PDB file of all heavy atoms in Angstrom:
ATOM      1  N   LEU A   1      -5.925   8.565   0.368  1.00  0.00           N
ATOM      2  CA  LEU A   1      -5.834   7.168   0.863  1.00  0.00           C
ATOM      3  C   LEU A   1      -6.435   6.165  -0.106  1.00  0.00           C
ATOM      4  O   LEU A   1      -5.893   5.112  -0.328  1.00  0.00           O
ATOM      5  CB  LEU A   1      -6.421   7.075   2.218  1.00  0.00           C
ATOM      6  CG  LEU A   1      -5.731   7.936   3.319  1.00  0.00           C
ATOM      7  CD1 LEU A   1      -6.489   7.828   4.646  1.00  0.00           C
ATOM      8  CD2 LEU A   1      -4.293   7.517   3.505  1.00  0.00           C
ATOM      9  N   ALA A   2      -7.547   6.586  -0.766  1.00  0.00           N
ATOM     10  CA  ALA A   2      -8.190   5.684  -1.747  1.00  0.00           C
ATOM     11  C   ALA A   2      -7.241   5.452  -2.930  1.00  0.00           C
ATOM     12  O   ALA A   2      -7.205   4.355  -3.460  1.00  0.00           O
ATOM     13  CB  ALA A   2      -9.508   6.305  -2.186  1.00  0.00           C
ATOM     14  N   GLU A   3      -6.500   6.479  -3.340  1.00  0.00           N
ATOM     15  CA  GLU A   3      -5.565   6.337  -4.462  1.00  0.00           C
ATOM     16  C   GLU A   3      -4.438   5.335  -4.057  1.00  0.00           C
ATOM     17  O   GLU A   3      -4.043   4.518  -4.898  1.00  0.00           O
ATOM     18  CB  GLU A   3      -4.968   7.674  -4.866  1.00  0.00           C
ATOM     19  CG  GLU A   3      -5.958   8.595  -5.586  1.00  0.00           C
ATOM     20  CD  GLU A   3      -5.339   9.901  -6.014  1.00  0.00           C
ATOM     21  OE1 GLU A   3      -4.415  10.385  -5.310  1.00  0.00           O
ATOM     22  OE2 GLU A   3      -5.785  10.464  -7.013  1.00  0.00           O
ATOM     23  N   HIS A   4      -3.971   5.467  -2.790  1.00  0.00           N
ATOM     24  CA  HIS A   4      -2.935   4.498  -2.337  1.00  0.00           C
ATOM     25  C   HIS A   4      -3.496   3.101  -2.300  1.00  0.00           C
ATOM     26  O   HIS A   4      -2.807   2.121  -2.683  1.00  0.00           O
ATOM     27  CB  HIS A   4      -2.405   4.941  -0.962  1.00  0.00           C
ATOM     28  CG  HIS A   4      -1.447   6.086  -1.068  1.00  0.00           C
ATOM     29  ND1 HIS A   4      -0.109   5.891  -1.426  1.00  0.00           N
ATOM     30  CD2 HIS A   4      -1.618   7.444  -0.930  1.00  0.00           C
ATOM     31  CE1 HIS A   4       0.504   7.090  -1.435  1.00  0.00           C
ATOM     32  NE2 HIS A   4      -0.419   7.999  -1.140  1.00  0.00           N
ATOM     33  N   ASP A   5      -4.748   2.916  -1.796  1.00  0.00           N
ATOM     34  CA  ASP A   5      -5.331   1.603  -1.748  1.00  0.00           C
ATOM     35  C   ASP A   5      -5.469   0.998  -3.125  1.00  0.00           C
ATOM     36  O   ASP A   5      -5.189  -0.207  -3.348  1.00  0.00           O
ATOM     37  CB  ASP A   5      -6.712   1.667  -1.073  1.00  0.00           C
ATOM     38  CG  ASP A   5      -6.626   1.914   0.406  1.00  0.00           C
ATOM     39  OD1 ASP A   5      -5.515   1.783   1.045  1.00  0.00           O
ATOM     40  OD2 ASP A   5      -7.681   2.255   1.009  1.00  0.00           O
ATOM     41  N   GLN A   6      -5.871   1.816  -4.106  1.00  0.00           N
ATOM     42  CA  GLN A   6      -6.026   1.327  -5.481  1.00  0.00           C
ATOM     43  C   GLN A   6      -4.652   0.943  -6.065  1.00  0.00           C
ATOM     44  O   GLN A   6      -4.517  -0.093  -6.756  1.00  0.00           O
ATOM     45  CB  GLN A   6      -6.682   2.352  -6.397  1.00  0.00           C
ATOM     46  CG  GLN A   6      -6.922   1.893  -7.807  1.00  0.00           C
ATOM     47  CD  GLN A   6      -7.754   0.606  -7.837  1.00  0.00           C
ATOM     48  OE1 GLN A   6      -8.905   0.619  -7.346  1.00  0.00           O
ATOM     49  NE2 GLN A   6      -7.294  -0.459  -8.437  1.00  0.00           N
ATOM     50  N   HIS A   7      -3.642   1.770  -5.778  1.00  0.00           N
ATOM     51  CA  HIS A   7      -2.297   1.441  -6.261  1.00  0.00           C
ATOM     52  C   HIS A   7      -1.808   0.152  -5.681  1.00  0.00           C
ATOM     53  O   HIS A   7      -1.274  -0.720  -6.418  1.00  0.00           O
ATOM     54  CB  HIS A   7      -1.317   2.593  -5.827  1.00  0.00           C
ATOM     55  CG  HIS A   7       0.107   2.364  -6.245  1.00  0.00           C
ATOM     56  ND1 HIS A   7       0.522   2.259  -7.520  1.00  0.00           N
ATOM     57  CD2 HIS A   7       1.170   2.165  -5.468  1.00  0.00           C
ATOM     58  CE1 HIS A   7       1.843   2.042  -7.567  1.00  0.00           C
ATOM     59  NE2 HIS A   7       2.280   1.952  -6.308  1.00  0.00           N
ATOM     60  N   ALA A   8      -2.058  -0.094  -4.399  1.00  0.00           N
ATOM     61  CA  ALA A   8      -1.650  -1.404  -3.757  1.00  0.00           C
ATOM     62  C   ALA A   8      -2.424  -2.567  -4.397  1.00  0.00           C
ATOM     63  O   ALA A   8      -1.841  -3.590  -4.718  1.00  0.00           O
ATOM     64  CB  ALA A   8      -1.910  -1.364  -2.251  1.00  0.00           C
ATOM     65  N   ALA A   9      -3.719  -2.368  -4.661  1.00  0.00           N
ATOM     66  CA  ALA A   9      -4.510  -3.416  -5.256  1.00  0.00           C
ATOM     67  C   ALA A   9      -3.961  -3.727  -6.667  1.00  0.00           C
ATOM     68  O   ALA A   9      -3.876  -4.880  -7.051  1.00  0.00           O
ATOM     69  CB  ALA A   9      -5.954  -2.993  -5.358  1.00  0.00           C
ATOM     70  N   ASP A  10      -3.572  -2.681  -7.414  1.00  0.00           N
ATOM     71  CA  ASP A  10      -2.989  -2.933  -8.755  1.00  0.00           C
ATOM     72  C   ASP A  10      -1.711  -3.698  -8.702  1.00  0.00           C
ATOM     73  O   ASP A  10      -1.425  -4.581  -9.491  1.00  0.00           O
ATOM     74  CB  ASP A  10      -2.735  -1.548  -9.441  1.00  0.00           C
ATOM     75  CG  ASP A  10      -4.047  -0.828  -9.831  1.00  0.00           C
ATOM     76  OD1 ASP A  10      -5.111  -1.458  -9.759  1.00  0.00           O
ATOM     77  OD2 ASP A  10      -3.932   0.386 -10.096  1.00  0.00           O
ATOM     78  N   LEU A  11      -0.847  -3.377  -7.695  1.00  0.00           N
ATOM     79  CA  LEU A  11       0.461  -4.103  -7.545  1.00  0.00           C
ATOM     80  C   LEU A  11       0.216  -5.558  -7.135  1.00  0.00           C
ATOM     81  O   LEU A  11       0.896  -6.426  -7.591  1.00  0.00           O
ATOM     82  CB  LEU A  11       1.323  -3.373  -6.548  1.00  0.00           C
ATOM     83  CG  LEU A  11       1.896  -2.035  -6.963  1.00  0.00           C
ATOM     84  CD1 LEU A  11       2.721  -1.441  -5.873  1.00  0.00           C
ATOM     85  CD2 LEU A  11       2.718  -2.172  -8.248  1.00  0.00           C
ATOM     86  N   ILE A  12      -0.800  -5.744  -6.256  1.00  0.00           N
ATOM     87  CA  ILE A  12      -1.122  -7.130  -5.864  1.00  0.00           C
ATOM     88  C   ILE A  12      -1.592  -7.923  -7.110  1.00  0.00           C
ATOM     89  O   ILE A  12      -1.141  -9.032  -7.323  1.00  0.00           O
ATOM     90  CB  ILE A  12      -2.176  -7.130  -4.742  1.00  0.00           C
ATOM     91  CG1 ILE A  12      -1.568  -6.571  -3.462  1.00  0.00           C
ATOM     92  CG2 ILE A  12      -2.735  -8.567  -4.536  1.00  0.00           C
ATOM     93  CD1 ILE A  12      -2.557  -6.245  -2.394  1.00  0.00           C
ATOM     94  N   ALA A  13      -2.494  -7.325  -7.852  1.00  0.00           N
ATOM     95  CA  ALA A  13      -3.019  -7.988  -9.072  1.00  0.00           C
ATOM     96  C   ALA A  13      -1.933  -8.324 -10.035  1.00  0.00           C
ATOM     97  O   ALA A  13      -1.995  -9.392 -10.727  1.00  0.00           O
ATOM     98  CB  ALA A  13      -4.099  -7.162  -9.687  1.00  0.00           C
ATOM     99  N   SER A  14      -0.936  -7.429 -10.183  1.00  0.00           N
ATOM    100  CA  SER A  14       0.165  -7.635 -11.138  1.00  0.00           C
ATOM    101  C   SER A  14       1.156  -8.684 -10.668  1.00  0.00           C
ATOM    102  O   SER A  14       2.012  -9.169 -11.462  1.00  0.00           O
ATOM    103  CB  SER A  14       0.877  -6.337 -11.435  1.00  0.00           C
ATOM    104  OG  SER A  14       1.698  -5.968 -10.364  1.00  0.00           O
ATOM    105  N   GLY A  15       1.111  -9.007  -9.378  1.00  0.00           N
ATOM    106  CA  GLY A  15       2.114  -9.965  -8.804  1.00  0.00           C
ATOM    107  C   GLY A  15       3.402  -9.296  -8.415  1.00  0.00           C
ATOM    108  O   GLY A  15       4.345  -9.969  -8.005  1.00  0.00           O
ATOM    109  N   SER A  16       3.500  -7.977  -8.507  1.00  0.00           N
ATOM    110  CA  SER A  16       4.751  -7.278  -8.172  1.00  0.00           C
ATOM    111  C   SER A  16       4.977  -7.033  -6.683  1.00  0.00           C
ATOM    112  O   SER A  16       6.095  -6.944  -6.219  1.00  0.00           O
ATOM    113  CB  SER A  16       4.755  -5.894  -8.845  1.00  0.00           C
ATOM    114  OG  SER A  16       4.729  -5.989 -10.240  1.00  0.00           O
ATOM    115  N   LEU A  17       3.873  -6.925  -5.921  1.00  0.00           N
ATOM    116  CA  LEU A  17       3.975  -6.565  -4.515  1.00  0.00           C
ATOM    117  C   LEU A  17       4.256  -7.814  -3.683  1.00  0.00           C
ATOM    118  O   LEU A  17       3.511  -8.821  -3.718  1.00  0.00           O
ATOM    119  CB  LEU A  17       2.674  -5.901  -4.053  1.00  0.00           C
ATOM    120  CG  LEU A  17       2.743  -5.304  -2.675  1.00  0.00           C
ATOM    121  CD1 LEU A  17       3.756  -4.172  -2.571  1.00  0.00           C
ATOM    122  CD2 LEU A  17       1.393  -4.770  -2.280  1.00  0.00           C
ATOM    123  N   VAL A  18       5.355  -7.757  -2.920  1.00  0.00           N
ATOM    124  CA  VAL A  18       5.727  -8.845  -2.021  1.00  0.00           C
ATOM    125  C   VAL A  18       5.202  -8.562  -0.627  1.00  0.00           C
ATOM    126  O   VAL A  18       4.705  -9.445   0.046  1.00  0.00           O
ATOM    127  CB  VAL A  18       7.272  -8.948  -2.014  1.00  0.00           C
ATOM    128  CG1 VAL A  18       7.711 -10.000  -0.965  1.00  0.00           C
ATOM    129  CG2 VAL A  18       7.802  -9.349  -3.419  1.00  0.00           C
ATOM    130  N   ALA A  19       5.339  -7.301  -0.199  1.00  0.00           N
ATOM    131  CA  ALA A  19       4.879  -6.906   1.158  1.00  0.00           C
ATOM    132  C   ALA A  19       4.661  -5.401   1.195  1.00  0.00           C
ATOM    133  O   ALA A  19       5.280  -4.667   0.426  1.00  0.00           O
ATOM    134  CB  ALA A  19       5.920  -7.313   2.179  1.00  0.00           C
ATOM    135  N   ALA A  20       3.799  -4.937   2.042  1.00  0.00           N
ATOM    136  CA  ALA A  20       3.573  -3.517   2.201  1.00  0.00           C
ATOM    137  C   ALA A  20       3.162  -3.205   3.612  1.00  0.00           C
ATOM    138  O   ALA A  20       2.430  -4.001   4.230  1.00  0.00           O
ATOM    139  CB  ALA A  20       2.476  -3.052   1.212  1.00  0.00           C
ATOM    140  N   PHE A  21       3.583  -2.052   4.105  1.00  0.00           N
ATOM    141  CA  PHE A  21       3.282  -1.645   5.453  1.00  0.00           C
ATOM    142  C   PHE A  21       3.007  -0.152   5.489  1.00  0.00           C
ATOM    143  O   PHE A  21       3.840   0.611   4.982  1.00  0.00           O
ATOM    144  CB  PHE A  21       4.445  -1.975   6.397  1.00  0.00           C
ATOM    145  CG  PHE A  21       4.819  -3.416   6.370  1.00  0.00           C
ATOM    146  CD1 PHE A  21       5.815  -3.863   5.512  1.00  0.00           C
ATOM    147  CD2 PHE A  21       4.195  -4.304   7.187  1.00  0.00           C
ATOM    148  CE1 PHE A  21       6.167  -5.210   5.495  1.00  0.00           C
ATOM    149  CE2 PHE A  21       4.556  -5.668   7.152  1.00  0.00           C
ATOM    150  CZ  PHE A  21       5.533  -6.114   6.264  1.00  0.00           C
ATOM    151  N   ALA A  22       1.922   0.226   6.085  1.00  0.00           N
ATOM    152  CA  ALA A  22       1.634   1.664   6.347  1.00  0.00           C
ATOM    153  C   ALA A  22       2.076   1.930   7.802  1.00  0.00           C
ATOM    154  O   ALA A  22       1.844   1.088   8.636  1.00  0.00           O
ATOM    155  CB  ALA A  22       0.159   1.976   6.153  1.00  0.00           C
ATOM    156  N   LEU A  23       2.647   3.083   8.022  1.00  0.00           N
ATOM    157  CA  LEU A  23       3.147   3.419   9.326  1.00  0.00           C
ATOM    158  C   LEU A  23       2.262   4.501   9.984  1.00  0.00           C
ATOM    159  O   LEU A  23       1.662   5.305   9.270  1.00  0.00           O
ATOM    160  CB  LEU A  23       4.606   3.918   9.259  1.00  0.00           C
ATOM    161  CG  LEU A  23       5.570   2.948   8.610  1.00  0.00           C
ATOM    162  CD1 LEU A  23       6.908   3.518   8.509  1.00  0.00           C
ATOM    163  CD2 LEU A  23       5.601   1.646   9.370  1.00  0.00           C
ATOM    164  N   THR A  24       2.258   4.562  11.312  1.00  0.00           N
ATOM    165  CA  THR A  24       1.496   5.561  11.998  1.00  0.00           C
ATOM    166  C   THR A  24       2.139   6.960  11.800  1.00  0.00           C
ATOM    167  O   THR A  24       3.370   6.993  11.420  1.00  0.00           O
ATOM    168  CB  THR A  24       1.448   5.257  13.509  1.00  0.00           C
ATOM    169  OG1 THR A  24       2.754   5.184  14.015  1.00  0.00           O
ATOM    170  CG2 THR A  24       0.716   3.986  13.826  1.00  0.00           C
ATOM    171  N   PRO A  25       1.438   8.034  12.082  1.00  0.00           N
ATOM    172  CA  PRO A  25       2.069   9.374  11.907  1.00  0.00           C
ATOM    173  C   PRO A  25       3.248   9.537  12.878  1.00  0.00           C
ATOM    174  O   PRO A  25       3.337   8.864  13.925  1.00  0.00           O
ATOM    175  CB  PRO A  25       0.920  10.310  12.319  1.00  0.00           C
ATOM    176  CG  PRO A  25      -0.338   9.508  12.185  1.00  0.00           C
ATOM    177  CD  PRO A  25       0.041   8.078  12.467  1.00  0.00           C
ATOM    178  N   PRO A  26       4.160  10.419  12.520  1.00  0.00           N
ATOM    179  CA  PRO A  26       5.343  10.601  13.361  1.00  0.00           C
ATOM    180  C   PRO A  26       5.079  11.022  14.798  1.00  0.00           C
ATOM    181  O   PRO A  26       5.910  10.878  15.657  1.00  0.00           O
ATOM    182  CB  PRO A  26       6.169  11.640  12.613  1.00  0.00           C
ATOM    183  CG  PRO A  26       5.237  12.303  11.697  1.00  0.00           C
ATOM    184  CD  PRO A  26       4.151  11.305  11.368  1.00  0.00           C
ATOM    185  N   GLU A  27       3.891  11.644  15.074  1.00  0.00           N
ATOM    186  CA  GLU A  27       3.566  12.092  16.412  1.00  0.00           C
ATOM    187  C   GLU A  27       3.529  10.923  17.384  1.00  0.00           C
ATOM    188  O   GLU A  27       3.669  11.168  18.589  1.00  0.00           O
ATOM    189  CB  GLU A  27       2.234  12.812  16.423  1.00  0.00           C
ATOM    190  CG  GLU A  27       2.143  14.054  15.606  1.00  0.00           C
ATOM    191  CD  GLU A  27       2.012  13.848  14.108  1.00  0.00           C
ATOM    192  OE1 GLU A  27       1.473  12.812  13.697  1.00  0.00           O
ATOM    193  OE2 GLU A  27       2.464  14.744  13.359  1.00  0.00           O
ATOM    194  N   VAL A  28       3.338   9.710  16.957  1.00  0.00           N
ATOM    195  CA  VAL A  28       3.286   8.562  17.910  1.00  0.00           C
ATOM    196  C   VAL A  28       4.599   7.717  17.818  1.00  0.00           C
ATOM    197  O   VAL A  28       4.628   6.623  18.305  1.00  0.00           O
ATOM    198  CB  VAL A  28       2.095   7.660  17.612  1.00  0.00           C
ATOM    199  CG1 VAL A  28       0.811   8.395  17.866  1.00  0.00           C
ATOM    200  CG2 VAL A  28       2.124   7.120  16.177  1.00  0.00           C
TER     201      VAL A  28
END
């Protein structure tokens, strides 16, 4: 999860990320 958070932070800093959403597990 920390790697995903860092990747998102990198995309935000680069200006590439427009929107992002994490979804709950399929069990719910």
